[in-house]
Amino acid sequence: MKSILISFFCSACGFFIAGCGSEDSSSTINTYRLNFQGSEFDPHNEQVLTAAIIDRSNGAVLVQENATVSNGSFSFEWTGLLEESKSYFLDYYVDMNGGLLD
């Protein structure tokens, strides 16, 4: 069994992304886990942060979830969603005005 760990930290943005997965010889498609965590988001405490994983090849939203920023932090984890050799977008935003469109 092989495993992989990919991580990225942006100090200016205050977020951390880590992807981890393992190759299962009984499966023909390798899938990976993605952890998306942020800190130093204190100005957004108690606001809703939405994150989405989007397939780059066709623009399909694979998953979209909400989390409330608490103590300046948030965290998402998706398992078995990402596939080897595919590209994705990770979109995220904080709802600043309670869902009202500007």
C-alpha atoms as a PDB file:
ATOM      1  CA  MET A   1       0.000   0.000   0.000  1.00  0.00           C
ATOM      2  CA  LYS A   2       1.301   3.465  -0.943  1.00  0.00           C
ATOM      3  CA  SER A   3       0.174   6.675   0.682  1.00  0.00           C
ATOM      4  CA  ILE A   4       0.487  10.324  -0.198  1.00  0.00           C
ATOM      5  CA  LEU A   5       0.289  13.533   1.813  1.00  0.00           C
ATOM      6  CA  ILE A   6      -0.033  16.903   0.131  1.00  0.00           C
ATOM      7  CA  SER A   7      -0.146  20.069   2.198  1.00  0.00           C
ATOM      8  CA  PHE A   8      -0.300  23.785   1.569  1.00  0.00           C
ATOM      9  CA  PHE A   9      -0.298  26.656   4.067  1.00  0.00           C
ATOM     10  CA  CYS A  10      -0.910  30.289   3.242  1.00  0.00           C
ATOM     11  CA  SER A  11       0.100  32.535   6.140  1.00  0.00           C
ATOM     12  CA  ALA A  12      -1.322  35.637   4.474  1.00  0.00           C
ATOM     13  CA  CYS A  13      -4.720  33.944   4.078  1.00  0.00           C
ATOM     14  CA  GLY A  14      -4.601  31.910   7.283  1.00  0.00           C
ATOM     15  CA  PHE A  15      -5.646  28.572   5.827  1.00  0.00           C
ATOM     16  CA  PHE A  16      -4.204  25.103   5.557  1.00  0.00           C
ATOM     17  CA  ILE A  17      -5.058  22.408   3.057  1.00  0.00           C
ATOM     18  CA  ALA A  18      -3.906  18.826   3.405  1.00  0.00           C
ATOM     19  CA  GLY A  19      -4.741  15.940   1.166  1.00  0.00           C
ATOM     20  CA  CYS A  20      -4.035  12.415   2.231  1.00  0.00           C
ATOM     21  CA  GLY A  21      -4.916   9.107   0.714  1.00  0.00           C
ATOM     22  CA  SER A  22      -3.863   5.584   0.114  1.00  0.00           C
ATOM     23  CA  GLU A  23      -3.748   3.328  -2.883  1.00  0.00           C
ATOM     24  CA  ASP A  24      -5.830   0.195  -2.546  1.00  0.00           C
ATOM     25  CA  SER A  25      -4.687  -2.581  -4.890  1.00  0.00           C
ATOM     26  CA  SER A  26      -8.248  -3.942  -5.079  1.00  0.00           C
ATOM     27  CA  SER A  27      -9.576  -0.661  -6.513  1.00  0.00           C
ATOM     28  CA  THR A  28      -8.957   0.623 -10.020  1.00  0.00           C
ATOM     29  CA  ILE A  29      -9.532   4.278  -9.008  1.00  0.00           C
ATOM     30  CA  ASN A  30      -7.405   5.869  -6.302  1.00  0.00           C
ATOM     31  CA  THR A  31      -9.314   8.353  -4.140  1.00  0.00           C
ATOM     32  CA  TYR A  32      -7.992  10.787  -1.573  1.00  0.00           C
ATOM     33  CA  ARG A  33      -9.100  12.632   1.546  1.00  0.00           C
ATOM     34  CA  LEU A  34      -8.979  16.432   1.661  1.00  0.00           C
ATOM     35  CA  ASN A  35      -8.763  18.475   4.870  1.00  0.00           C
ATOM     36  CA  PHE A  36      -9.376  22.223   4.528  1.00  0.00           C
ATOM     37  CA  GLN A  37      -8.760  24.228   7.709  1.00  0.00           C
ATOM     38  CA  GLY A  38      -8.499  27.935   8.383  1.00  0.00           C
ATOM     39  CA  SER A  39      -7.346  30.043  11.290  1.00  0.00           C
ATOM     40  CA  GLU A  40      -7.000  33.760  12.018  1.00  0.00           C
ATOM     41  CA  PHE A  41     -10.497  34.390  10.613  1.00  0.00           C
ATOM     42  CA  ASP A  42     -11.467  36.215  13.833  1.00  0.00           C
ATOM     43  CA  PRO A  43     -13.299  39.061  12.008  1.00  0.00           C
ATOM     44  CA  HIS A  44     -15.699  36.377  10.720  1.00  0.00           C
ATOM     45  CA  ASN A  45     -16.574  34.678  14.027  1.00  0.00           C
ATOM     46  CA  GLU A  46     -20.135  33.339  14.034  1.00  0.00           C
ATOM     47  CA  GLN A  47     -20.446  33.877  10.262  1.00  0.00           C
ATOM     48  CA  VAL A  48     -21.124  31.021   7.847  1.00  0.00           C
ATOM     49  CA  LEU A  49     -18.271  29.939   5.583  1.00  0.00           C
ATOM     50  CA  THR A  50     -19.203  27.932   2.497  1.00  0.00           C
ATOM     51  CA  ALA A  51     -16.673  25.667   0.760  1.00  0.00           C
ATOM     52  CA  ALA A  52     -17.127  23.743  -2.482  1.00  0.00           C
ATOM     53  CA  ILE A  53     -15.062  21.267  -4.479  1.00  0.00           C
ATOM     54  CA  ILE A  54     -15.569  21.724  -8.221  1.00  0.00           C
ATOM     55  CA  ASP A  55     -14.438  19.408 -11.002  1.00  0.00           C
ATOM     56  CA  ARG A  56     -12.220  21.501 -13.308  1.00  0.00           C
ATOM     57  CA  SER A  57     -13.044  19.447 -16.398  1.00  0.00           C
ATOM     58  CA  ASN A  58     -16.781  20.159 -16.422  1.00  0.00           C
ATOM     59  CA  GLY A  59     -17.539  22.695 -13.659  1.00  0.00           C
ATOM     60  CA  ALA A  60     -19.659  20.228 -11.690  1.00  0.00           C
ATOM     61  CA  VAL A  61     -19.961  20.979  -7.973  1.00  0.00           C
ATOM     62  CA  LEU A  62     -18.994  17.700  -6.303  1.00  0.00           C
ATOM     63  CA  VAL A  63     -19.717  18.847  -2.770  1.00  0.00           C
ATOM     64  CA  GLN A  64     -20.714  22.090  -1.059  1.00  0.00           C
ATOM     65  CA  GLU A  65     -20.819  22.434   2.722  1.00  0.00           C
ATOM     66  CA  ASN A  66     -21.179  25.149   5.340  1.00  0.00           C
ATOM     67  CA  ALA A  67     -19.344  25.676   8.609  1.00  0.00           C
ATOM     68  CA  THR A  68     -19.630  28.423  11.200  1.00  0.00           C
ATOM     69  CA  VAL A  69     -16.380  30.226  11.965  1.00  0.00           C
ATOM     70  CA  SER A  70     -15.673  29.759  15.679  1.00  0.00           C
ATOM     71  CA  ASN A  71     -12.729  31.261  17.575  1.00  0.00           C
ATOM     72  CA  GLY A  72     -11.369  32.385  14.197  1.00  0.00           C
ATOM     73  CA  SER A  73     -11.208  28.823  12.833  1.00  0.00           C
ATOM     74  CA  PHE A  74     -13.063  26.440  10.561  1.00  0.00           C
ATOM     75  CA  SER A  75     -12.507  22.924   9.255  1.00  0.00           C
ATOM     76  CA  PHE A  76     -13.836  20.684   6.490  1.00  0.00           C
ATOM     77  CA  GLU A  77     -12.951  17.097   5.647  1.00  0.00           C
ATOM     78  CA  TRP A  78     -13.999  15.142   2.573  1.00  0.00           C
ATOM     79  CA  THR A  79     -13.100  11.464   2.172  1.00  0.00           C
ATOM     80  CA  GLY A  80     -13.000   9.491  -1.073  1.00  0.00           C
ATOM     81  CA  LEU A  81     -13.965  12.511  -3.152  1.00  0.00           C
ATOM     82  CA  LEU A  82     -10.787  13.382  -5.048  1.00  0.00           C
ATOM     83  CA  GLU A  83      -9.507  11.050  -7.733  1.00  0.00           C
ATOM     84  CA  GLU A  84      -5.940  10.608  -8.885  1.00  0.00           C
ATOM     85  CA  SER A  85      -4.946  12.547 -12.045  1.00  0.00           C
ATOM     86  CA  LYS A  86      -7.973  14.873 -11.919  1.00  0.00           C
ATOM     87  CA  SER A  87      -7.970  18.628 -11.255  1.00  0.00           C
ATOM     88  CA  TYR A  88     -10.295  20.488  -8.917  1.00  0.00           C
ATOM     89  CA  PHE A  89     -11.142  23.992  -7.747  1.00  0.00           C
ATOM     90  CA  LEU A  90     -11.657  24.713  -4.049  1.00  0.00           C
ATOM     91  CA  ASP A  91     -13.980  27.702  -3.754  1.00  0.00           C
ATOM     92  CA  TYR A  92     -14.823  29.254  -0.396  1.00  0.00           C
ATOM     93  CA  TYR A  93     -16.439  32.412   0.900  1.00  0.00           C
ATOM     94  CA  VAL A  94     -17.888  33.896   4.066  1.00  0.00           C
ATOM     95  CA  ASP A  95     -21.505  35.043   4.052  1.00  0.00           C
ATOM     96  CA  MET A  96     -21.041  38.669   5.154  1.00  0.00           C
ATOM     97  CA  ASN A  97     -24.671  39.799   4.912  1.00  0.00           C
ATOM     98  CA  GLY A  98     -26.851  36.856   5.906  1.00  0.00           C
ATOM     99  CA  GLY A  99     -27.489  35.423   2.452  1.00  0.00           C
ATOM    100  CA  LEU A 100     -28.581  38.627   0.760  1.00  0.00           C
ATOM    101  CA  LEU A 101     -27.325  39.024  -2.798  1.00  0.00           C
ATOM    102  CA  ASP A 102     -25.700  42.308  -3.673  1.00  0.00           C
END
